N, C-alpha and C. Protein backbone atom coordinates (compact mmCIF):
# COMPACT_ATOMS: atom_id res chain seq x y z
N MET A 1 244.66 229.70 -77.48
CA MET A 1 245.70 230.36 -77.09
C MET A 1 245.66 231.79 -77.91
N ALA A 2 246.00 232.76 -77.07
CA ALA A 2 245.92 234.26 -77.83
C ALA A 2 247.32 234.61 -78.12
N THR A 3 247.62 235.11 -79.27
CA THR A 3 248.77 235.68 -79.62
C THR A 3 248.60 237.01 -80.25
N GLN A 4 249.51 237.81 -79.89
CA GLN A 4 249.43 239.26 -80.40
C GLN A 4 249.75 239.22 -82.09
N GLY A 5 248.83 239.57 -82.88
CA GLY A 5 248.99 239.52 -84.20
C GLY A 5 249.86 240.61 -84.80
N SER A 6 250.12 240.48 -86.01
CA SER A 6 250.80 241.59 -86.78
C SER A 6 249.83 242.77 -87.34
N HIS A 7 248.55 242.66 -87.03
CA HIS A 7 247.58 243.37 -87.56
C HIS A 7 247.96 244.91 -87.08
N PRO A 8 247.76 245.91 -88.02
CA PRO A 8 248.16 247.34 -87.66
C PRO A 8 247.37 247.86 -86.56
N MET A 9 246.44 247.29 -86.27
CA MET A 9 245.58 247.86 -85.14
C MET A 9 245.96 247.15 -83.68
N GLY A 10 246.76 246.05 -83.79
CA GLY A 10 247.19 245.47 -82.63
C GLY A 10 246.21 244.69 -82.05
N GLU A 11 245.22 244.12 -82.84
CA GLU A 11 244.06 243.32 -82.09
C GLU A 11 244.58 241.90 -81.78
N VAL A 12 243.85 241.12 -81.04
CA VAL A 12 244.38 239.95 -80.72
C VAL A 12 243.61 238.86 -81.43
N ARG A 13 244.39 237.86 -81.85
CA ARG A 13 243.89 236.89 -82.82
C ARG A 13 243.80 235.48 -82.14
N HIS A 14 242.84 234.88 -82.27
CA HIS A 14 242.80 233.42 -81.77
C HIS A 14 243.04 232.44 -82.86
N ASP A 15 243.78 231.60 -82.39
CA ASP A 15 244.26 230.45 -83.36
C ASP A 15 243.14 229.82 -83.88
N SER A 16 242.22 229.43 -83.03
CA SER A 16 240.95 228.61 -83.39
C SER A 16 240.00 229.14 -84.17
N GLU A 17 240.24 230.55 -84.42
CA GLU A 17 239.25 231.11 -85.52
C GLU A 17 239.72 231.08 -86.82
N GLY A 18 240.76 230.63 -86.98
CA GLY A 18 241.19 230.30 -88.25
C GLY A 18 242.16 231.55 -88.94
N PRO A 19 242.89 231.37 -89.83
CA PRO A 19 243.85 232.48 -90.35
C PRO A 19 243.00 233.57 -91.23
N ASN A 20 243.49 234.59 -91.10
CA ASN A 20 243.01 235.48 -91.88
C ASN A 20 241.63 236.25 -91.46
N LEU A 21 241.04 235.96 -90.27
CA LEU A 21 239.79 236.36 -89.60
C LEU A 21 239.89 237.73 -89.51
N ASP A 22 241.00 238.25 -88.81
CA ASP A 22 241.09 239.55 -88.55
C ASP A 22 241.67 240.44 -89.47
N ASP A 23 242.15 239.73 -90.72
CA ASP A 23 242.98 240.44 -91.58
C ASP A 23 241.92 240.99 -92.74
N ARG A 24 240.73 240.61 -92.74
CA ARG A 24 239.64 240.84 -93.64
C ARG A 24 239.25 242.10 -93.26
N SER A 25 238.95 243.12 -94.17
CA SER A 25 238.42 244.43 -93.98
C SER A 25 236.82 244.29 -93.57
N ILE A 26 236.14 245.44 -93.10
CA ILE A 26 234.92 245.36 -92.83
C ILE A 26 234.18 245.30 -94.24
N ALA A 27 234.63 246.07 -95.19
CA ALA A 27 234.06 246.10 -96.46
C ALA A 27 233.86 244.69 -97.17
N VAL A 28 234.87 243.97 -97.02
CA VAL A 28 234.94 242.42 -97.47
C VAL A 28 233.90 241.60 -96.82
N LEU A 29 233.93 241.89 -95.29
CA LEU A 29 233.00 241.19 -94.56
C LEU A 29 231.55 241.35 -94.81
N VAL A 30 231.31 242.81 -95.07
CA VAL A 30 229.77 243.17 -95.45
C VAL A 30 229.46 242.65 -96.76
N LYS A 31 230.48 242.55 -97.75
CA LYS A 31 230.21 242.09 -99.10
C LYS A 31 229.99 240.44 -98.89
N GLN A 32 230.77 239.99 -98.04
CA GLN A 32 230.57 238.47 -97.99
C GLN A 32 229.07 238.14 -97.31
N LEU A 33 228.75 238.82 -96.51
CA LEU A 33 227.53 238.78 -95.87
C LEU A 33 226.36 239.02 -96.81
N SER A 34 226.42 239.99 -97.60
CA SER A 34 225.45 240.29 -98.52
C SER A 34 225.35 239.21 -99.56
N ASP A 35 226.47 238.65 -100.10
CA ASP A 35 226.31 237.46 -100.93
C ASP A 35 225.81 236.43 -100.37
N GLN A 36 226.19 236.13 -99.19
CA GLN A 36 225.62 234.88 -98.48
C GLN A 36 224.00 235.01 -98.20
N THR A 37 223.80 236.28 -97.69
CA THR A 37 222.32 236.64 -97.54
C THR A 37 221.35 236.35 -98.87
N THR A 38 221.86 236.87 -99.91
CA THR A 38 221.33 236.81 -101.46
C THR A 38 221.29 235.53 -101.62
N THR A 39 222.29 234.43 -101.56
CA THR A 39 222.26 232.96 -101.89
C THR A 39 221.42 232.47 -101.02
N LEU A 40 221.30 232.58 -99.55
CA LEU A 40 220.27 232.00 -98.79
C LEU A 40 218.94 232.47 -99.20
N PHE A 41 218.51 233.59 -99.47
CA PHE A 41 217.23 234.00 -99.92
C PHE A 41 216.88 233.32 -101.13
N ARG A 42 217.77 233.19 -102.09
CA ARG A 42 217.47 232.63 -103.53
C ARG A 42 217.27 230.91 -103.22
N ALA A 43 217.90 230.45 -102.35
CA ALA A 43 217.69 229.21 -101.97
C ALA A 43 216.22 228.82 -101.17
N GLU A 44 216.03 229.71 -100.27
CA GLU A 44 214.71 229.54 -99.60
C GLU A 44 213.63 229.86 -100.74
N LEU A 45 213.76 230.87 -101.59
CA LEU A 45 212.83 231.17 -102.73
C LEU A 45 212.47 229.96 -103.45
N ASP A 46 213.77 229.11 -103.93
CA ASP A 46 213.59 228.06 -104.71
C ASP A 46 212.97 226.92 -104.03
N LEU A 47 213.18 226.76 -102.55
CA LEU A 47 212.53 225.78 -101.93
C LEU A 47 210.99 226.05 -101.75
N ALA A 48 210.48 227.31 -101.58
CA ALA A 48 209.18 227.64 -101.55
C ALA A 48 208.62 227.34 -102.96
N LYS A 49 209.21 227.64 -103.98
CA LYS A 49 208.64 227.47 -105.38
C LYS A 49 208.35 225.81 -105.40
N ALA A 50 209.38 225.10 -105.21
CA ALA A 50 209.25 223.68 -105.14
C ALA A 50 208.19 223.12 -104.35
N GLU A 51 208.23 223.56 -103.08
CA GLU A 51 206.89 223.19 -102.18
C GLU A 51 205.53 223.57 -102.80
N LEU A 52 205.34 224.71 -103.45
CA LEU A 52 204.12 225.15 -104.06
C LEU A 52 203.84 224.60 -104.95
N ALA A 53 204.96 224.16 -105.80
CA ALA A 53 204.55 223.35 -107.07
C ALA A 53 203.97 221.93 -106.68
N VAL A 54 204.66 221.28 -105.67
CA VAL A 54 204.00 219.88 -105.23
C VAL A 54 202.57 220.02 -104.72
N LYS A 55 202.48 221.18 -103.93
CA LYS A 55 201.05 221.58 -103.44
C LYS A 55 200.15 221.85 -104.38
N GLY A 56 200.55 222.54 -105.40
CA GLY A 56 199.61 222.92 -106.49
C GLY A 56 199.33 221.66 -107.40
N LYS A 57 200.07 220.70 -107.57
CA LYS A 57 199.84 219.45 -108.20
C LYS A 57 198.83 218.72 -107.39
N ARG A 58 198.96 218.62 -106.27
CA ARG A 58 198.18 217.84 -105.32
C ARG A 58 196.86 218.53 -105.28
N ALA A 59 196.76 219.89 -105.35
CA ALA A 59 195.43 220.46 -105.27
C ALA A 59 194.87 220.25 -106.75
N GLY A 60 195.59 220.21 -107.78
CA GLY A 60 195.02 220.14 -108.92
C GLY A 60 194.27 218.77 -109.09
N LEU A 61 195.06 217.73 -108.58
CA LEU A 61 194.49 216.35 -108.60
C LEU A 61 193.28 216.31 -107.81
N GLY A 62 193.17 216.96 -106.69
CA GLY A 62 192.07 216.82 -105.82
C GLY A 62 191.00 217.48 -106.51
N ALA A 63 191.30 218.77 -107.20
CA ALA A 63 190.10 219.34 -107.80
C ALA A 63 189.51 218.39 -109.03
N GLY A 64 190.41 217.69 -109.63
CA GLY A 64 189.99 216.59 -110.74
C GLY A 64 188.98 215.65 -110.18
N MET A 65 189.54 215.20 -108.85
CA MET A 65 188.58 214.23 -108.39
C MET A 65 187.28 214.80 -107.95
N PHE A 66 187.27 216.07 -107.34
CA PHE A 66 185.95 216.69 -107.22
C PHE A 66 185.12 216.67 -108.38
N GLY A 67 185.74 216.91 -109.51
CA GLY A 67 184.95 217.02 -110.97
C GLY A 67 184.46 215.72 -111.15
N GLY A 68 185.49 214.60 -111.03
CA GLY A 68 184.90 213.34 -111.46
C GLY A 68 183.79 212.87 -110.48
N ALA A 69 183.74 213.34 -109.14
CA ALA A 69 182.65 213.04 -108.23
C ALA A 69 181.43 213.76 -108.66
N GLY A 70 181.64 214.93 -109.19
CA GLY A 70 180.37 215.83 -109.53
C GLY A 70 179.74 214.96 -110.80
N VAL A 71 180.61 214.57 -111.98
CA VAL A 71 180.06 213.76 -112.85
C VAL A 71 179.44 212.34 -112.45
N PHE A 72 179.93 211.73 -111.77
CA PHE A 72 179.39 210.53 -111.35
C PHE A 72 178.14 210.88 -110.51
N GLY A 73 178.11 211.74 -109.73
CA GLY A 73 176.88 212.10 -108.80
C GLY A 73 175.82 212.53 -109.87
N ALA A 74 176.11 213.10 -110.85
CA ALA A 74 174.98 213.45 -111.96
C ALA A 74 174.46 211.99 -112.53
N TYR A 75 175.46 211.05 -112.74
CA TYR A 75 174.93 209.93 -113.30
C TYR A 75 174.13 209.18 -112.39
N ALA A 76 174.67 209.20 -111.06
CA ALA A 76 173.64 208.58 -109.92
C ALA A 76 172.22 209.31 -109.84
N ALA A 77 172.09 210.39 -109.91
CA ALA A 77 170.93 211.27 -109.92
C ALA A 77 170.09 210.95 -111.21
N GLY A 78 170.69 210.69 -112.45
CA GLY A 78 170.08 210.27 -113.57
C GLY A 78 169.38 208.86 -113.23
N ALA A 79 170.04 207.96 -112.75
CA ALA A 79 169.69 206.74 -112.54
C ALA A 79 168.69 206.43 -111.44
N LEU A 80 168.88 207.44 -110.33
CA LEU A 80 167.76 207.44 -109.23
C LEU A 80 166.45 207.95 -110.20
N THR A 81 166.69 208.83 -110.93
CA THR A 81 165.46 209.40 -111.59
C THR A 81 164.68 208.42 -112.36
N ALA A 82 165.52 207.50 -113.26
CA ALA A 82 164.95 206.44 -113.86
C ALA A 82 164.25 205.47 -113.00
N CYS A 83 164.91 205.24 -111.85
CA CYS A 83 164.22 204.29 -110.82
C CYS A 83 162.96 204.80 -110.57
N LEU A 84 162.92 206.16 -110.10
CA LEU A 84 161.40 206.60 -109.41
C LEU A 84 160.52 206.60 -110.63
N ILE A 85 160.95 206.88 -112.07
CA ILE A 85 159.92 206.77 -113.05
C ILE A 85 159.45 205.33 -113.07
N LEU A 86 160.47 204.34 -113.18
CA LEU A 86 159.88 202.89 -113.24
C LEU A 86 159.14 202.43 -112.11
N VAL A 87 159.42 203.05 -110.87
CA VAL A 87 158.54 202.51 -109.66
C VAL A 87 157.12 203.08 -109.96
N LEU A 88 157.02 204.42 -110.34
CA LEU A 88 155.60 204.96 -110.49
C LEU A 88 154.87 204.36 -111.84
N ALA A 89 155.84 203.88 -112.69
CA ALA A 89 155.06 203.39 -113.93
C ALA A 89 154.67 202.22 -113.67
N ALA A 90 154.86 201.39 -112.49
CA ALA A 90 154.25 200.14 -112.26
C ALA A 90 152.74 200.50 -111.71
N ALA A 91 152.38 201.81 -111.33
CA ALA A 91 151.18 202.16 -110.95
C ALA A 91 150.25 202.79 -112.00
N MET A 92 151.08 203.31 -112.96
CA MET A 92 150.47 204.10 -114.08
C MET A 92 151.27 204.19 -115.21
N THR A 93 150.54 204.96 -116.24
CA THR A 93 151.38 204.94 -117.50
C THR A 93 152.96 205.54 -117.46
N ALA A 94 153.83 205.21 -118.25
CA ALA A 94 155.25 205.69 -118.10
C ALA A 94 155.31 207.15 -118.23
N TRP A 95 154.53 207.70 -119.26
CA TRP A 95 154.73 209.18 -119.59
C TRP A 95 154.32 209.82 -118.44
N LEU A 96 153.21 209.51 -117.67
CA LEU A 96 152.68 210.21 -116.55
C LEU A 96 153.66 210.16 -115.36
N ALA A 97 154.23 208.92 -115.25
CA ALA A 97 155.34 208.76 -113.88
C ALA A 97 156.39 209.85 -114.27
N ALA A 98 156.85 209.91 -115.51
CA ALA A 98 157.99 210.72 -116.00
C ALA A 98 157.56 212.31 -115.65
N LEU A 99 156.43 212.69 -116.23
CA LEU A 99 155.82 214.00 -115.69
C LEU A 99 155.79 214.23 -114.28
N ILE A 100 155.46 213.48 -113.46
CA ILE A 100 155.29 213.50 -112.12
C ILE A 100 156.71 213.80 -111.60
N VAL A 101 157.72 213.09 -111.80
CA VAL A 101 159.07 213.34 -111.26
C VAL A 101 159.61 214.41 -111.95
N ALA A 102 159.44 214.80 -113.11
CA ALA A 102 159.86 215.94 -113.71
C ALA A 102 159.30 217.37 -112.68
N ALA A 103 157.92 217.23 -112.47
CA ALA A 103 157.24 218.25 -111.77
C ALA A 103 157.80 218.35 -110.56
N VAL A 104 158.05 217.33 -109.83
CA VAL A 104 158.68 217.41 -108.42
C VAL A 104 160.05 218.17 -108.51
N TYR A 105 160.92 217.55 -109.40
CA TYR A 105 162.18 218.16 -109.68
C TYR A 105 162.01 219.64 -109.92
N GLY A 106 161.10 220.07 -110.84
CA GLY A 106 160.95 221.46 -111.18
C GLY A 106 160.50 222.43 -109.98
N ALA A 107 159.58 221.71 -109.31
CA ALA A 107 159.30 222.32 -107.86
C ALA A 107 160.31 222.74 -106.93
N ILE A 108 161.08 221.57 -106.68
CA ILE A 108 162.45 221.69 -105.88
C ILE A 108 163.35 222.60 -106.42
N ALA A 109 163.50 222.84 -107.73
CA ALA A 109 164.54 223.85 -108.42
C ALA A 109 163.88 225.13 -108.13
N GLY A 110 162.53 225.16 -108.28
CA GLY A 110 161.92 226.66 -108.02
C GLY A 110 162.32 227.13 -106.57
N VAL A 111 161.95 226.31 -105.68
CA VAL A 111 162.20 226.71 -104.21
C VAL A 111 163.58 227.06 -104.09
N LEU A 112 164.49 226.24 -104.49
CA LEU A 112 166.13 226.52 -104.32
C LEU A 112 166.42 227.74 -105.04
N ALA A 113 165.82 228.19 -106.20
CA ALA A 113 166.04 229.47 -107.00
C ALA A 113 165.54 230.60 -106.23
N LEU A 114 164.41 230.44 -105.51
CA LEU A 114 163.74 231.72 -104.75
C LEU A 114 164.61 231.75 -103.35
N MET A 115 165.00 230.59 -102.68
CA MET A 115 165.90 230.80 -101.70
C MET A 115 167.30 231.50 -102.01
N GLY A 116 167.75 230.89 -103.02
CA GLY A 116 169.11 231.57 -103.73
C GLY A 116 168.82 233.14 -103.85
N ARG A 117 167.76 233.53 -104.56
CA ARG A 117 167.72 234.92 -104.92
C ARG A 117 167.44 235.72 -103.60
N THR A 118 166.87 235.27 -102.74
CA THR A 118 166.73 235.88 -101.49
C THR A 118 168.09 236.07 -100.72
N LYS A 119 168.78 235.12 -100.73
CA LYS A 119 170.19 235.18 -100.10
C LYS A 119 171.20 236.17 -100.93
N VAL A 120 170.97 236.23 -102.04
CA VAL A 120 171.85 237.15 -102.98
C VAL A 120 171.33 238.54 -102.57
N GLN A 121 170.12 238.90 -102.59
CA GLN A 121 169.49 240.14 -102.28
C GLN A 121 170.06 240.72 -100.77
N GLN A 122 170.13 239.88 -99.82
CA GLN A 122 170.67 240.06 -98.67
C GLN A 122 172.08 240.54 -98.68
N SER A 123 172.72 239.96 -99.48
CA SER A 123 174.24 240.23 -99.72
C SER A 123 174.55 241.50 -100.36
N VAL A 124 173.63 242.07 -101.23
CA VAL A 124 173.76 243.32 -101.97
C VAL A 124 173.36 244.53 -101.36
N PRO A 125 174.01 245.54 -101.43
CA PRO A 125 175.24 245.80 -102.06
C PRO A 125 176.36 245.24 -101.10
N PRO A 126 177.39 244.77 -101.90
CA PRO A 126 178.54 244.30 -101.17
C PRO A 126 179.49 245.34 -100.49
N VAL A 127 178.93 245.90 -99.41
CA VAL A 127 179.64 247.01 -98.73
C VAL A 127 179.71 246.40 -97.17
N PRO A 128 180.87 246.56 -96.70
CA PRO A 128 181.00 245.97 -95.20
C PRO A 128 180.42 247.03 -94.31
N GLU A 129 179.19 246.79 -94.05
CA GLU A 129 178.27 247.77 -93.39
C GLU A 129 178.57 247.97 -91.87
N GLN A 130 179.15 247.05 -91.34
CA GLN A 130 179.67 247.25 -89.78
C GLN A 130 180.99 247.92 -89.78
N THR A 131 181.92 247.93 -90.80
CA THR A 131 182.93 248.51 -90.99
C THR A 131 182.71 250.05 -91.30
N VAL A 132 181.65 250.36 -92.14
CA VAL A 132 181.32 251.69 -92.56
C VAL A 132 180.75 252.26 -91.46
N GLU A 133 179.84 251.66 -90.65
CA GLU A 133 179.40 252.17 -89.36
C GLU A 133 180.39 252.61 -88.19
N SER A 134 181.44 251.86 -88.14
CA SER A 134 182.45 251.84 -87.25
C SER A 134 183.40 253.05 -87.61
N VAL A 135 183.70 253.22 -88.91
CA VAL A 135 184.54 254.31 -89.37
C VAL A 135 183.72 255.57 -89.02
N LYS A 136 182.41 255.63 -89.29
CA LYS A 136 181.53 256.72 -89.04
C LYS A 136 181.70 257.12 -87.41
N GLU A 137 181.56 256.29 -86.48
CA GLU A 137 181.85 256.44 -85.24
C GLU A 137 183.28 256.99 -84.88
N ASP A 138 184.23 256.36 -85.59
CA ASP A 138 185.59 256.93 -85.36
C ASP A 138 185.86 258.18 -85.94
N VAL A 139 185.33 258.61 -86.87
CA VAL A 139 185.26 260.04 -87.44
C VAL A 139 184.48 261.06 -86.41
N GLU A 140 183.37 260.57 -86.02
CA GLU A 140 182.59 261.29 -85.02
C GLU A 140 183.51 261.52 -83.84
N TRP A 141 184.14 260.63 -83.23
CA TRP A 141 184.86 260.44 -82.03
C TRP A 141 185.95 261.54 -82.19
N THR A 142 186.73 261.37 -83.36
CA THR A 142 187.90 262.20 -83.73
C THR A 142 187.28 263.75 -83.83
N LYS A 143 186.10 264.04 -84.30
CA LYS A 143 185.71 265.31 -84.19
C LYS A 143 185.43 265.95 -82.93
N GLN A 144 185.01 265.16 -82.22
CA GLN A 144 184.53 265.53 -80.84
C GLN A 144 185.84 265.79 -79.99
N ARG A 145 186.89 264.92 -80.07
CA ARG A 145 188.18 265.17 -79.58
C ARG A 145 188.98 266.56 -80.09
N ALA A 146 188.62 266.66 -81.46
CA ALA A 146 189.21 267.93 -81.83
C ALA A 146 188.57 269.12 -81.18
N LYS A 147 187.27 269.24 -81.22
CA LYS A 147 186.66 270.45 -80.51
C LYS A 147 186.85 270.47 -79.05
N GLU A 148 187.10 269.43 -78.45
CA GLU A 148 187.47 269.62 -77.09
C GLU A 148 188.94 270.05 -76.89
N GLY A 149 189.69 269.82 -77.82
CA GLY A 149 191.08 270.41 -77.87
C GLY A 149 191.28 271.93 -78.25
N ARG A 150 190.36 272.40 -78.85
CA ARG A 150 190.35 273.76 -79.12
C ARG A 150 189.80 274.62 -77.99
N ARG A 151 189.20 274.05 -77.17
CA ARG A 151 188.62 274.87 -76.06
C ARG A 151 189.60 275.09 -74.91
């Protein structure tokens, strides 16, 4: 139900909107909006911090598990090495079997090192070559447009 209020501007006030809605000044409303926006922003920031803390703990736990997997993987490689040496030792002396396994592991390490060095050399210098080329083309295109504009 609309009634003519006693507001100096003679605006219509609806009873369902609650008392004093039209009686508040714009400055008060803007201040309330600012305060509520600040409160909302802080609450969202606190929520984001809490969510990131939970995710960080999970990530830390996962990283620890990867570390544990690496340690036990190294133990497994050591046990496999011992197994290979013992298998070869059945056909020859133990020191020769250990030397053969070590030589095979050394050869694998050497091949991996050479492959890694090649990959690193391919990535150096760390300059985005395609982007540099694209920028050069853009500069050239801009120069051509500028020359055409002078004519």
